[in-house]
PDB file of N, CA and C in Angstrom:
ATOM      1  N   MET A   1       0.891  -1.322   0.170  1.00  0.00           N
ATOM      2  CA  MET A   1       0.019  -0.519   0.130  1.00  0.00           C
ATOM      3  C   MET A   1       1.027   1.095  -0.415  1.00  0.00           C
ATOM      4  N   ALA A   2       0.464   2.000  -0.856  1.00  0.00           N
ATOM      5  CA  ALA A   2       1.835   3.272  -0.537  1.00  0.00           C
ATOM      6  C   ALA A   2       0.860   4.101   0.932  1.00  0.00           C
ATOM      7  N   THR A   3       2.168   4.904   1.057  1.00  0.00           N
ATOM      8  CA  THR A   3       2.438   5.845   2.220  1.00  0.00           C
ATOM      9  C   THR A   3       1.478   6.863   2.074  1.00  0.00           C
ATOM     10  N   PRO A   4       0.814   7.450   3.345  1.00  0.00           N
ATOM     11  CA  PRO A   4       0.696   8.813   3.024  1.00  0.00           C
ATOM     12  C   PRO A   4       1.233  10.060   2.913  1.00  0.00           C
ATOM     13  N   GLU A   5       2.644   9.784   2.925  1.00  0.00           N
ATOM     14  CA  GLU A   5       3.291  10.695   2.439  1.00  0.00           C
ATOM     15  C   GLU A   5       4.197  10.439   1.122  1.00  0.00           C
ATOM     16  N   GLN A   6       3.863   9.332   0.491  1.00  0.00           N
ATOM     17  CA  GLN A   6       3.304   9.113  -0.703  1.00  0.00           C
ATOM     18  C   GLN A   6       2.799   9.356  -1.241  1.00  0.00           C
ATOM     19  N   MET A   7       1.068   9.747  -1.155  1.00  0.00           N
ATOM     20  CA  MET A   7       0.011  10.050  -1.363  1.00  0.00           C
ATOM     21  C   MET A   7      -0.186  11.412  -1.735  1.00  0.00           C
ATOM     22  N   THR A   8       0.030  12.351  -0.767  1.00  0.00           N
ATOM     23  CA  THR A   8       0.629  13.405   0.379  1.00  0.00           C
ATOM     24  C   THR A   8       0.742  14.431  -1.108  1.00  0.00           C
ATOM     25  N   ALA A   9       2.507  13.516  -1.325  1.00  0.00           N
ATOM     26  CA  ALA A   9       3.203  14.268  -2.428  1.00  0.00           C
ATOM     27  C   ALA A   9       3.110  14.163  -3.832  1.00  0.00           C
ATOM     28  N   ALA A  10       2.479  13.341  -3.901  1.00  0.00           N
ATOM     29  CA  ALA A  10       1.668  12.819  -5.448  1.00  0.00           C
ATOM     30  C   ALA A  10       0.958  13.791  -5.879  1.00  0.00           C
ATOM     31  N   VAL A  11      -0.380  14.410  -4.792  1.00  0.00           N
ATOM     32  CA  VAL A  11      -1.554  15.199  -4.798  1.00  0.00           C
ATOM     33  C   VAL A  11      -0.391  17.262  -4.940  1.00  0.00           C
ATOM     34  N   HIS A  12       0.424  17.138  -4.516  1.00  0.00           N
ATOM     35  CA  HIS A  12       1.114  18.055  -4.463  1.00  0.00           C
ATOM     36  C   HIS A  12       1.853  18.354  -5.874  1.00  0.00           C
ATOM     37  N   GLY A  13       2.477  17.141  -6.467  1.00  0.00           N
ATOM     38  CA  GLY A  13       3.196  17.137  -7.565  1.00  0.00           C
ATOM     39  C   GLY A  13       2.438  17.485  -8.194  1.00  0.00           C
ATOM     40  N   TYR A  14       1.023  16.816  -8.302  1.00  0.00           N
ATOM     41  CA  TYR A  14       0.240  17.395  -9.453  1.00  0.00           C
ATOM     42  C   TYR A  14      -0.111  18.470  -9.963  1.00  0.00           C
ATOM     43  N   VAL A  15      -0.024  19.611  -8.853  1.00  0.00           N
ATOM     44  CA  VAL A  15      -0.959  20.835  -8.621  1.00  0.00           C
ATOM     45  C   VAL A  15       0.627  21.412  -9.086  1.00  0.00           C
ATOM     46  N   ALA A  16       1.556  21.197  -8.773  1.00  0.00           N
ATOM     47  CA  ALA A  16       2.803  21.837  -9.263  1.00  0.00           C
ATOM     48  C   ALA A  16       2.816  21.473 -11.162  1.00  0.00           C
ATOM     49  N   ALA A  17       2.622  20.923 -10.996  1.00  0.00           N
ATOM     50  CA  ALA A  17       2.386  20.677 -12.252  1.00  0.00           C
ATOM     51  C   ALA A  17       1.850  21.156 -13.296  1.00  0.00           C
ATOM     52  N   PHE A  18       0.605  21.757 -12.881  1.00  0.00           N
ATOM     53  CA  PHE A  18       0.491  22.381 -13.819  1.00  0.00           C
ATOM     54  C   PHE A  18       0.343  23.787 -13.612  1.00  0.00           C
ATOM     55  N   ASP A  19       1.123  24.267 -12.305  1.00  0.00           N
ATOM     56  CA  ASP A  19       1.514  25.531 -11.880  1.00  0.00           C
ATOM     57  C   ASP A  19       2.657  26.057 -13.091  1.00  0.00           C
ATOM     58  N   LYS A  20       3.542  24.636 -13.729  1.00  0.00           N
ATOM     59  CA  LYS A  20       4.606  24.871 -14.646  1.00  0.00           C
ATOM     60  C   LYS A  20       4.097  24.602 -15.762  1.00  0.00           C
ATOM     61  N   GLY A  21       2.972  24.029 -16.311  1.00  0.00           N
ATOM     62  CA  GLY A  21       2.715  23.518 -17.419  1.00  0.00           C
ATOM     63  C   GLY A  21       3.914  22.343 -17.917  1.00  0.00           C
ATOM     64  N   ASP A  22       3.781  21.429 -17.166  1.00  0.00           N
ATOM     65  CA  ASP A  22       4.509  20.350 -17.484  1.00  0.00           C
ATOM     66  C   ASP A  22       3.563  18.929 -17.069  1.00  0.00           C
ATOM     67  N   PRO A  23       3.240  18.644 -17.841  1.00  0.00           N
ATOM     68  CA  PRO A  23       2.298  16.804 -18.546  1.00  0.00           C
ATOM     69  C   PRO A  23       3.367  16.072 -18.146  1.00  0.00           C
ATOM     70  N   GLU A  24       5.364  15.620 -18.441  1.00  0.00           N
ATOM     71  CA  GLU A  24       5.749  14.813 -18.686  1.00  0.00           C
ATOM     72  C   GLU A  24       5.550  14.813 -17.028  1.00  0.00           C
ATOM     73  N   ALA A  25       6.065  15.579 -15.828  1.00  0.00           N
ATOM     74  CA  ALA A  25       5.727  15.348 -14.317  1.00  0.00           C
ATOM     75  C   ALA A  25       4.389  15.063 -14.162  1.00  0.00           C
ATOM     76  N   VAL A  26       2.996  15.469 -14.711  1.00  0.00           N
ATOM     77  CA  VAL A  26       2.043  14.446 -14.090  1.00  0.00           C
ATOM     78  C   VAL A  26       1.786  13.495 -14.518  1.00  0.00           C
ATOM     79  N   VAL A  27       2.041  12.866 -16.117  1.00  0.00           N
ATOM     80  CA  VAL A  27       2.528  11.863 -16.371  1.00  0.00           C
ATOM     81  C   VAL A  27       3.089  10.427 -15.524  1.00  0.00           C
ATOM     82  N   ALA A  28       4.503  11.485 -15.372  1.00  0.00           N
ATOM     83  CA  ALA A  28       5.296  10.318 -14.147  1.00  0.00           C
ATOM     84  C   ALA A  28       4.776   9.948 -12.817  1.00  0.00           C
ATOM     85  N   LEU A  29       3.799  10.615 -12.201  1.00  0.00           N
ATOM     86  CA  LEU A  29       3.016  10.303 -11.213  1.00  0.00           C
ATOM     87  C   LEU A  29       2.107   8.950 -11.513  1.00  0.00           C
ATOM     88  N   PHE A  30       1.954   8.766 -12.626  1.00  0.00           N
ATOM     89  CA  PHE A  30       0.307   7.818 -12.950  1.00  0.00           C
ATOM     90  C   PHE A  30       1.350   5.935 -13.614  1.00  0.00           C
ATOM     91  N   ALA A  31       0.535   5.107 -12.503  1.00  0.00           N
ATOM     92  CA  ALA A  31       1.276   4.064 -13.365  1.00  0.00           C
ATOM     93  C   ALA A  31       1.103   3.969 -15.126  1.00  0.00           C
ATOM     94  N   PRO A  32       1.907   3.173 -15.490  1.00  0.00           N
ATOM     95  CA  PRO A  32       1.790   2.772 -17.184  1.00  0.00           C
ATOM     96  C   PRO A  32       0.144   2.571 -17.343  1.00  0.00           C
ATOM     97  N   ASP A  33      -0.500   1.598 -16.855  1.00  0.00           N
ATOM     98  CA  ASP A  33      -1.712   1.307 -17.516  1.00  0.00           C
ATOM     99  C   ASP A  33      -2.652   1.835 -16.674  1.00  0.00           C
ATOM    100  N   ALA A  34      -2.355   3.078 -15.706  1.00  0.00           N
ATOM    101  CA  ALA A  34      -3.668   4.350 -15.514  1.00  0.00           C
ATOM    102  C   ALA A  34      -4.247   4.207 -16.783  1.00  0.00           C
ATOM    103  N   THR A  35      -5.604   4.794 -15.314  1.00  0.00           N
ATOM    104  CA  THR A  35      -7.249   5.282 -16.410  1.00  0.00           C
ATOM    105  C   THR A  35      -7.435   6.818 -15.243  1.00  0.00           C
ATOM    106  N   VAL A  36      -7.951   7.237 -16.410  1.00  0.00           N
ATOM    107  CA  VAL A  36      -8.337   9.005 -16.121  1.00  0.00           C
ATOM    108  C   VAL A  36      -9.239   9.537 -16.635  1.00  0.00           C
ATOM    109  N   GLU A  37     -10.358   9.596 -15.693  1.00  0.00           N
ATOM    110  CA  GLU A  37     -12.105  10.071 -16.361  1.00  0.00           C
ATOM    111  C   GLU A  37     -12.282  11.141 -15.277  1.00  0.00           C
ATOM    112  N   ASP A  38     -11.865  12.205 -16.461  1.00  0.00           N
ATOM    113  CA  ASP A  38     -12.126  13.685 -15.940  1.00  0.00           C
ATOM    114  C   ASP A  38     -12.844  14.673 -17.500  1.00  0.00           C
ATOM    115  N   PRO A  39     -14.317  14.911 -16.911  1.00  0.00           N
ATOM    116  CA  PRO A  39     -14.999  14.309 -15.588  1.00  0.00           C
ATOM    117  C   PRO A  39     -15.560  12.976 -15.606  1.00  0.00           C
ATOM    118  N   VAL A  40     -15.946  12.831 -14.396  1.00  0.00           N
ATOM    119  CA  VAL A  40     -16.640  11.732 -14.194  1.00  0.00           C
ATOM    120  C   VAL A  40     -17.753  11.802 -15.387  1.00  0.00           C
ATOM    121  N   GLY A  41     -17.716  10.096 -16.298  1.00  0.00           N
ATOM    122  CA  GLY A  41     -18.963  10.033 -17.080  1.00  0.00           C
ATOM    123  C   GLY A  41     -18.363  10.143 -18.616  1.00  0.00           C
ATOM    124  N   THR A  42     -17.049  10.324 -18.705  1.00  0.00           N
ATOM    125  CA  THR A  42     -16.466  10.822 -19.820  1.00  0.00           C
ATOM    126  C   THR A  42     -15.590   9.445 -20.057  1.00  0.00           C
ATOM    127  N   ASP A  43     -15.629   8.929 -21.090  1.00  0.00           N
ATOM    128  CA  ASP A  43     -14.180   8.193 -21.348  1.00  0.00           C
ATOM    129  C   ASP A  43     -13.133   8.130 -21.057  1.00  0.00           C
ATOM    130  N   ALA A  44     -12.598   7.023 -20.524  1.00  0.00           N
ATOM    131  CA  ALA A  44     -11.360   6.763 -19.892  1.00  0.00           C
ATOM    132  C   ALA A  44     -10.464   7.138 -20.589  1.00  0.00           C
ATOM    133  N   LYS A  45      -9.435   7.712 -20.242  1.00  0.00           N
ATOM    134  CA  LYS A  45      -8.149   7.874 -20.877  1.00  0.00           C
ATOM    135  C   LYS A  45      -6.972   6.888 -20.523  1.00  0.00           C
ATOM    136  N   ILE A  46      -6.491   6.281 -21.260  1.00  0.00           N
ATOM    137  CA  ILE A  46      -5.941   4.629 -20.411  1.00  0.00           C
ATOM    138  C   ILE A  46      -4.563   4.900 -20.589  1.00  0.00           C
ATOM    139  N   GLY A  47      -4.187   4.834 -19.787  1.00  0.00           N
ATOM    140  CA  GLY A  47      -2.259   4.362 -20.076  1.00  0.00           C
ATOM    141  C   GLY A  47      -1.550   5.635 -20.468  1.00  0.00           C
ATOM    142  N   HIS A  48      -0.063   5.925 -19.847  1.00  0.00           N
ATOM    143  CA  HIS A  48       0.978   7.389 -20.342  1.00  0.00           C
ATOM    144  C   HIS A  48       0.524   7.504 -21.621  1.00  0.00           C
ATOM    145  N   ALA A  49       0.305   7.533 -22.983  1.00  0.00           N
ATOM    146  CA  ALA A  49       0.552   8.011 -24.295  1.00  0.00           C
ATOM    147  C   ALA A  49      -0.859   9.006 -24.177  1.00  0.00           C
ATOM    148  N   ALA A  50      -1.933   8.083 -23.580  1.00  0.00           N
ATOM    149  CA  ALA A  50      -3.154   8.623 -23.400  1.00  0.00           C
ATOM    150  C   ALA A  50      -3.605   9.717 -22.452  1.00  0.00           C
ATOM    151  N   ILE A  51      -2.706   9.738 -21.257  1.00  0.00           N
ATOM    152  CA  ILE A  51      -2.775  10.401 -20.206  1.00  0.00           C
ATOM    153  C   ILE A  51      -1.925  11.550 -20.305  1.00  0.00           C
ATOM    154  N   ARG A  52      -0.769  11.267 -21.173  1.00  0.00           N
ATOM    155  CA  ARG A  52      -0.107  12.556 -21.637  1.00  0.00           C
ATOM    156  C   ARG A  52      -1.112  13.724 -22.377  1.00  0.00           C
ATOM    157  N   GLU A  53      -1.672  12.930 -23.612  1.00  0.00           N
ATOM    158  CA  GLU A  53      -2.236  13.888 -24.846  1.00  0.00           C
ATOM    159  C   GLU A  53      -3.287  14.681 -23.735  1.00  0.00           C
ATOM    160  N   PHE A  54      -4.501  14.464 -22.978  1.00  0.00           N
ATOM    161  CA  PHE A  54      -4.975  14.999 -22.178  1.00  0.00           C
ATOM    162  C   PHE A  54      -4.484  15.665 -21.576  1.00  0.00           C
ATOM    163  N   TYR A  55      -3.329  15.534 -20.515  1.00  0.00           N
ATOM    164  CA  TYR A  55      -2.910  16.860 -19.641  1.00  0.00           C
ATOM    165  C   TYR A  55      -2.135  18.059 -20.633  1.00  0.00           C
ATOM    166  N   THR A  56      -1.473  17.542 -21.792  1.00  0.00           N
ATOM    167  CA  THR A  56      -1.092  18.519 -22.585  1.00  0.00           C
ATOM    168  C   THR A  56      -2.203  19.756 -22.768  1.00  0.00           C
ATOM    169  N   ALA A  57      -3.253  19.263 -23.288  1.00  0.00           N
ATOM    170  CA  ALA A  57      -3.957  19.806 -23.842  1.00  0.00           C
ATOM    171  C   ALA A  57      -4.490  20.643 -22.798  1.00  0.00           C
ATOM    172  N   SER A  58      -4.973  20.188 -21.593  1.00  0.00           N
ATOM    173  CA  SER A  58      -5.053  21.187 -20.503  1.00  0.00           C
ATOM    174  C   SER A  58      -4.577  22.180 -19.914  1.00  0.00           C
ATOM    175  N   MET A  59      -2.862  22.187 -20.319  1.00  0.00           N
ATOM    176  CA  MET A  59      -2.451  22.571 -20.124  1.00  0.00           C
ATOM    177  C   MET A  59      -2.340  23.637 -20.686  1.00  0.00           C
ATOM    178  N   ALA A  60      -2.636  23.789 -22.150  1.00  0.00           N
ATOM    179  CA  ALA A  60      -2.021  24.669 -22.682  1.00  0.00           C
ATOM    180  C   ALA A  60      -3.429  25.511 -22.879  1.00  0.00           C
ATOM    181  N   THR A  61      -4.334  25.414 -21.861  1.00  0.00           N
ATOM    182  CA  THR A  61      -5.432  26.435 -21.549  1.00  0.00           C
ATOM    183  C   THR A  61      -4.884  27.755 -20.412  1.00  0.00           C
ATOM    184  N   GLY A  62      -3.693  27.003 -20.361  1.00  0.00           N
ATOM    185  CA  GLY A  62      -3.084  28.088 -18.855  1.00  0.00           C
ATOM    186  C   GLY A  62      -3.621  27.809 -18.030  1.00  0.00           C
ATOM    187  N   ALA A  63      -4.687  26.248 -17.194  1.00  0.00           N
ATOM    188  CA  ALA A  63      -5.324  26.643 -16.091  1.00  0.00           C
ATOM    189  C   ALA A  63      -4.467  26.415 -15.058  1.00  0.00           C
ATOM    190  N   LYS A  64      -4.559  26.787 -13.741  1.00  0.00           N
ATOM    191  CA  LYS A  64      -3.883  26.584 -12.541  1.00  0.00           C
ATOM    192  C   LYS A  64      -4.735  26.265 -11.346  1.00  0.00           C
ATOM    193  N   LEU A  65      -4.484  25.517 -10.718  1.00  0.00           N
ATOM    194  CA  LEU A  65      -4.665  25.143  -9.864  1.00  0.00           C
ATOM    195  C   LEU A  65      -4.760  25.199  -8.262  1.00  0.00           C
ATOM    196  N   GLN A  66      -5.004  25.328  -7.379  1.00  0.00           N
ATOM    197  CA  GLN A  66      -5.065  25.567  -5.864  1.00  0.00           C
ATOM    198  C   GLN A  66      -5.333  25.010  -5.236  1.00  0.00           C
ATOM    199  N   LEU A  67      -5.300  24.413  -4.676  1.00  0.00           N
ATOM    200  CA  LEU A  67      -6.242  23.568  -3.407  1.00  0.00           C
ATOM    201  C   LEU A  67      -6.292  24.224  -2.430  1.00  0.00           C
ATOM    202  N   GLU A  68      -8.056  23.881  -2.019  1.00  0.00           N
ATOM    203  CA  GLU A  68      -8.852  24.001  -1.225  1.00  0.00           C
ATOM    204  C   GLU A  68      -9.543  23.514  -0.147  1.00  0.00           C
ATOM    205  N   GLY A  69      -8.367  23.400   0.760  1.00  0.00           N
ATOM    206  CA  GLY A  69      -8.836  22.621   2.273  1.00  0.00           C
ATOM    207  C   GLY A  69      -7.834  21.512   2.415  1.00  0.00           C
ATOM    208  N   PRO A  70      -7.910  20.536   2.821  1.00  0.00           N
ATOM    209  CA  PRO A  70      -6.948  19.194   3.433  1.00  0.00           C
ATOM    210  C   PRO A  70      -7.166  18.225   2.302  1.00  0.00           C
ATOM    211  N   ILE A  71      -6.258  17.210   2.324  1.00  0.00           N
ATOM    212  CA  ILE A  71      -6.015  16.311   1.540  1.00  0.00           C
ATOM    213  C   ILE A  71      -6.626  15.190   2.366  1.00  0.00           C
ATOM    214  N   ARG A  72      -7.542  14.518   1.928  1.00  0.00           N
ATOM    215  CA  ARG A  72      -8.188  13.816   2.769  1.00  0.00           C
ATOM    216  C   ARG A  72      -7.622  11.922   1.883  1.00  0.00           C
ATOM    217  N   LEU A  73      -7.416  11.373   2.920  1.00  0.00           N
ATOM    218  CA  LEU A  73      -6.318   9.746   2.596  1.00  0.00           C
ATOM    219  C   LEU A  73      -7.724   8.796   3.107  1.00  0.00           C
ATOM    220  N   ALA A  74      -7.701   7.837   2.428  1.00  0.00           N
ATOM    221  CA  ALA A  74      -8.312   6.388   2.911  1.00  0.00           C
ATOM    222  C   ALA A  74      -7.727   5.765   2.612  1.00  0.00           C
ATOM    223  N   THR A  75      -6.891   4.133   3.220  1.00  0.00           N
ATOM    224  CA  THR A  75      -6.457   3.527   2.671  1.00  0.00           C
ATOM    225  C   THR A  75      -5.870   3.459   1.594  1.00  0.00           C
ATOM    226  N   ASP A  76      -6.024   2.923   0.478  1.00  0.00           N
ATOM    227  CA  ASP A  76      -4.966   3.285  -1.120  1.00  0.00           C
ATOM    228  C   ASP A  76      -5.784   4.775  -2.064  1.00  0.00           C
ATOM    229  N   TYR A  77      -6.475   5.318  -0.967  1.00  0.00           N
ATOM    230  CA  TYR A  77      -7.201   7.107  -1.661  1.00  0.00           C
ATOM    231  C   TYR A  77      -6.724   7.746  -1.399  1.00  0.00           C
ATOM    232  N   ALA A  78      -6.961   9.103  -2.429  1.00  0.00           N
ATOM    233  CA  ALA A  78      -6.803  10.519  -1.846  1.00  0.00           C
ATOM    234  C   ALA A  78      -7.745  11.508  -2.724  1.00  0.00           C
ATOM    235  N   ALA A  79      -8.189  12.103  -1.616  1.00  0.00           N
ATOM    236  CA  ALA A  79      -9.477  13.248  -2.594  1.00  0.00           C
ATOM    237  C   ALA A  79      -9.244  14.413  -1.863  1.00  0.00           C
ATOM    238  N   PHE A  80      -9.044  15.407  -2.961  1.00  0.00           N
ATOM    239  CA  PHE A  80      -8.308  15.901  -2.775  1.00  0.00           C
ATOM    240  C   PHE A  80      -9.726  17.766  -3.565  1.00  0.00           C
ATOM    241  N   ALA A  81     -10.113  18.647  -2.622  1.00  0.00           N
ATOM    242  CA  ALA A  81     -10.367  19.508  -3.621  1.00  0.00           C
ATOM    243  C   ALA A  81      -9.987  20.489  -4.061  1.00  0.00           C
ATOM    244  N   PHE A  82     -10.377  21.115  -5.220  1.00  0.00           N
ATOM    245  CA  PHE A  82      -9.652  22.499  -5.830  1.00  0.00           C
ATOM    246  C   PHE A  82     -10.498  22.867  -6.320  1.00  0.00           C
ATOM    247  N   ARG A  83      -9.830  24.373  -6.915  1.00  0.00           N
ATOM    248  CA  ARG A  83     -10.575  25.275  -8.194  1.00  0.00           C
ATOM    249  C   ARG A  83      -8.923  25.323  -9.321  1.00  0.00           C
ATOM    250  N   VAL A  84      -9.668  25.630 -10.336  1.00  0.00           N
ATOM    251  CA  VAL A  84      -9.176  25.483 -12.103  1.00  0.00           C
ATOM    252  C   VAL A  84      -9.599  27.412 -11.921  1.00  0.00           C
ATOM    253  N   GLU A  85      -8.322  28.018 -12.609  1.00  0.00           N
ATOM    254  CA  GLU A  85      -8.957  29.150 -12.970  1.00  0.00           C
ATOM    255  C   GLU A  85      -8.050  28.726 -13.881  1.00  0.00           C
ATOM    256  N   LEU A  86      -8.735  29.728 -14.691  1.00  0.00           N
ATOM    257  CA  LEU A  86      -8.078  29.666 -16.861  1.00  0.00           C
ATOM    258  C   LEU A  86      -8.443  31.193 -16.675  1.00  0.00           C
ATOM    259  N   THR A  87      -8.105  31.791 -17.491  1.00  0.00           N
ATOM    260  CA  THR A  87      -8.519  32.935 -18.642  1.00  0.00           C
ATOM    261  C   THR A  87      -8.887  32.851 -20.232  1.00  0.00           C
ATOM    262  N   MET A  88      -9.787  32.878 -20.597  1.00  0.00           N
ATOM    263  CA  MET A  88     -10.167  32.875 -22.142  1.00  0.00           C
ATOM    264  C   MET A  88     -10.664  33.712 -22.910  1.00  0.00           C
ATOM    265  N   GLU A  89     -10.337  34.854 -23.568  1.00  0.00           N
ATOM    266  CA  GLU A  89     -10.455  35.478 -24.346  1.00  0.00           C
ATOM    267  C   GLU A  89     -10.701  36.871 -23.012  1.00  0.00           C
ATOM    268  N   GLY A  90     -10.196  37.114 -22.277  1.00  0.00           N
ATOM    269  CA  GLY A  90      -9.715  38.285 -21.646  1.00  0.00           C
ATOM    270  C   GLY A  90     -11.192  37.754 -20.253  1.00  0.00           C
ATOM    271  N   LYS A  91     -11.419  36.444 -20.363  1.00  0.00           N
ATOM    272  CA  LYS A  91     -12.560  36.254 -18.978  1.00  0.00           C
ATOM    273  C   LYS A  91     -12.053  35.093 -18.776  1.00  0.00           C
ATOM    274  N   LEU A  92     -12.308  35.419 -17.161  1.00  0.00           N
ATOM    275  CA  LEU A  92     -11.817  34.508 -16.354  1.00  0.00           C
ATOM    276  C   LEU A  92     -12.786  33.288 -15.752  1.00  0.00           C
ATOM    277  N   LEU A  93     -12.655  32.572 -15.476  1.00  0.00           N
ATOM    278  CA  LEU A  93     -13.414  31.181 -15.301  1.00  0.00           C
ATOM    279  C   LEU A  93     -12.851  30.240 -14.095  1.00  0.00           C
ATOM    280  N   THR A  94     -14.276  29.285 -13.906  1.00  0.00           N
ATOM    281  CA  THR A  94     -13.518  28.889 -12.486  1.00  0.00           C
ATOM    282  C   THR A  94     -14.069  27.637 -12.690  1.00  0.00           C
ATOM    283  N   VAL A  95     -13.567  26.659 -12.173  1.00  0.00           N
ATOM    284  CA  VAL A  95     -14.364  25.457 -11.586  1.00  0.00           C
ATOM    285  C   VAL A  95     -14.094  24.919 -10.463  1.00  0.00           C
ATOM    286  N   ASP A  96     -15.333  24.241  -9.957  1.00  0.00           N
ATOM    287  CA  ASP A  96     -14.737  23.661  -8.490  1.00  0.00           C
ATOM    288  C   ASP A  96     -14.704  22.111  -8.700  1.00  0.00           C
ATOM    289  N   VAL A  97     -13.499  21.239  -8.499  1.00  0.00           N
ATOM    290  CA  VAL A  97     -13.848  19.861  -8.502  1.00  0.00           C
ATOM    291  C   VAL A  97     -13.095  19.235  -7.703  1.00  0.00           C
ATOM    292  N   ILE A  98     -13.345  18.031  -7.304  1.00  0.00           N
ATOM    293  CA  ILE A  98     -12.973  17.272  -6.165  1.00  0.00           C
ATOM    294  C   ILE A  98     -12.307  16.109  -6.913  1.00  0.00           C
ATOM    295  N   ASP A  99     -11.010  15.576  -6.839  1.00  0.00           N
ATOM    296  CA  ASP A  99     -10.184  14.633  -7.365  1.00  0.00           C
ATOM    297  C   ASP A  99     -10.294  13.847  -7.118  1.00  0.00           C
ATOM    298  N   THR A 100     -10.014  12.402  -7.143  1.00  0.00           N
ATOM    299  CA  THR A 100      -9.841  11.210  -6.266  1.00  0.00           C
ATOM    300  C   THR A 100      -8.773  10.826  -7.054  1.00  0.00           C
ATOM    301  N   PHE A 101      -7.491  10.087  -6.338  1.00  0.00           N
ATOM    302  CA  PHE A 101      -6.203   9.204  -7.162  1.00  0.00           C
ATOM    303  C   PHE A 101      -6.700   7.954  -6.521  1.00  0.00           C
ATOM    304  N   LYS A 102      -6.314   6.724  -6.808  1.00  0.00           N
ATOM    305  CA  LYS A 102      -5.801   5.533  -6.804  1.00  0.00           C
ATOM    306  C   LYS A 102      -4.618   5.280  -6.603  1.00  0.00           C
ATOM    307  N   PHE A 103      -3.839   4.512  -5.514  1.00  0.00           N
ATOM    308  CA  PHE A 103      -2.660   4.234  -5.649  1.00  0.00           C
ATOM    309  C   PHE A 103      -2.342   2.837  -5.865  1.00  0.00           C
ATOM    310  N   ASN A 104      -1.343   2.286  -6.230  1.00  0.00           N
ATOM    311  CA  ASN A 104      -1.009   1.040  -6.130  1.00  0.00           C
ATOM    312  C   ASN A 104       0.302   1.369  -4.921  1.00  0.00           C
ATOM    313  N   ALA A 105       1.124   0.091  -4.423  1.00  0.00           N
ATOM    314  CA  ALA A 105       1.313  -0.796  -4.136  1.00  0.00           C
ATOM    315  C   ALA A 105       2.873   0.356  -4.127  1.00  0.00           C
ATOM    316  N   ASP A 106       3.049   0.840  -5.110  1.00  0.00           N
ATOM    317  CA  ASP A 106       4.660   1.601  -5.841  1.00  0.00           C
ATOM    318  C   ASP A 106       4.388   2.881  -5.264  1.00  0.00           C
ATOM    319  N   GLY A 107       2.978   3.716  -4.866  1.00  0.00           N
ATOM    320  CA  GLY A 107       3.014   4.833  -4.796  1.00  0.00           C
ATOM    321  C   GLY A 107       2.490   5.560  -5.828  1.00  0.00           C
ATOM    322  N   LYS A 108       1.886   4.829  -7.145  1.00  0.00           N
ATOM    323  CA  LYS A 108       1.420   5.292  -8.060  1.00  0.00           C
ATOM    324  C   LYS A 108       0.378   5.446  -8.359  1.00  0.00           C
ATOM    325  N   VAL A 109      -0.634   6.598  -9.416  1.00  0.00           N
ATOM    326  CA  VAL A 109      -1.824   6.709  -9.305  1.00  0.00           C
ATOM    327  C   VAL A 109      -2.437   5.423 -10.242  1.00  0.00           C
ATOM    328  N   THR A 110      -2.642   4.771 -10.141  1.00  0.00           N
ATOM    329  CA  THR A 110      -3.733   3.718 -11.059  1.00  0.00           C
ATOM    330  C   THR A 110      -5.778   4.401 -11.492  1.00  0.00           C
ATOM    331  N   GLU A 111      -5.737   5.012 -10.556  1.00  0.00           N
ATOM    332  CA  GLU A 111      -6.996   5.850 -11.093  1.00  0.00           C
ATOM    333  C   GLU A 111      -7.481   7.073 -10.732  1.00  0.00           C
ATOM    334  N   MET A 112      -7.629   8.050 -12.015  1.00  0.00           N
ATOM    335  CA  MET A 112      -8.150   9.395 -11.988  1.00  0.00           C
ATOM    336  C   MET A 112      -9.516   9.852 -12.029  1.00  0.00           C
ATOM    337  N   ARG A 113      -9.998  10.233 -10.908  1.00  0.00           N
ATOM    338  CA  ARG A 113     -11.471  10.732 -11.511  1.00  0.00           C
ATOM    339  C   ARG A 113     -11.575  11.927 -11.016  1.00  0.00           C
ATOM    340  N   ALA A 114     -12.344  13.076 -11.780  1.00  0.00           N
ATOM    341  CA  ALA A 114     -12.541  14.335 -11.261  1.00  0.00           C
ATOM    342  C   ALA A 114     -14.180  14.541 -11.252  1.00  0.00           C
ATOM    343  N   TYR A 115     -14.556  15.082 -10.470  1.00  0.00           N
ATOM    344  CA  TYR A 115     -15.947  15.046  -9.865  1.00  0.00           C
ATOM    345  C   TYR A 115     -16.682  16.737 -10.385  1.00  0.00           C
ATOM    346  N   PHE A 116     -16.896  17.283 -11.239  1.00  0.00           N
ATOM    347  CA  PHE A 116     -17.367  18.803 -11.490  1.00  0.00           C
ATOM    348  C   PHE A 116     -18.744  18.535 -12.270  1.00  0.00           C
ATOM    349  N   GLY A 117     -19.373  19.154 -12.433  1.00  0.00           N
ATOM    350  CA  GLY A 117     -20.160  19.679 -13.363  1.00  0.00           C
ATOM    351  C   GLY A 117     -20.594  21.099 -13.618  1.00  0.00           C
ATOM    352  N   PRO A 118     -21.542  21.228 -14.164  1.00  0.00           N
ATOM    353  CA  PRO A 118     -22.227  23.020 -14.981  1.00  0.00           C
ATOM    354  C   PRO A 118     -22.582  23.904 -13.558  1.00  0.00           C
ATOM    355  N   SER A 119     -22.672  23.109 -12.391  1.00  0.00           N
ATOM    356  CA  SER A 119     -23.359  24.203 -11.728  1.00  0.00           C
ATOM    357  C   SER A 119     -21.997  24.759 -10.918  1.00  0.00           C
ATOM    358  N   ASN A 120     -20.778  23.893 -10.700  1.00  0.00           N
ATOM    359  CA  ASN A 120     -19.631  23.948 -10.318  1.00  0.00           C
ATOM    360  C   ASN A 120     -18.380  25.114 -11.384  1.00  0.00           C
ATOM    361  N   MET A 121     -19.091  25.397 -12.552  1.00  0.00           N
ATOM    362  CA  MET A 121     -18.517  26.061 -13.125  1.00  0.00           C
ATOM    363  C   MET A 121     -18.687  27.619 -13.448  1.00  0.00           C
ATOM    364  N   THR A 122     -18.185  28.723 -12.933  1.00  0.00           N
ATOM    365  CA  THR A 122     -18.454  30.336 -13.110  1.00  0.00           C
ATOM    366  C   THR A 122     -17.577  31.127 -14.439  1.00  0.00           C
ATOM    367  N   GLY A 123     -18.430  31.641 -14.701  1.00  0.00           N
ATOM    368  CA  GLY A 123     -17.667  32.565 -15.889  1.00  0.00           C
ATOM    369  C   GLY A 123     -17.760  31.820 -16.932  1.00  0.00           C
ATOM    370  N   PHE A 124     -18.566  30.857 -17.076  1.00  0.00           N
ATOM    371  CA  PHE A 124     -18.500  30.307 -18.839  1.00  0.00           C
ATOM    372  C   PHE A 124     -19.852  30.662 -19.731  1.00  0.00           C
TER     373      PHE A 124
END
């Protein structure tokens, strides 16, 4: 099982990667066969290539993440609330999100799920 320190470091690394616009840093957090469902209900991105493509596009928007509250840890899961901010056409857009990460014994993310919907989006 991943340690609390590994799980916490992964969440902070994820947020920091967005600040740097570094999709490779995000990919490095994931197991090779990991899945990303962002938002929940959309088709999963499976494996490093699909995850890299998704985060490269996401970071190209200039999106920045800001944690809102503590990271919650339970067994091999981390859940964390954060706000996404980006500017498009001179307009500030925000999305309030809760993500969950599931970890393997090596401390790599095997599953990421993002929870948000239209009621969590402002400025769009």
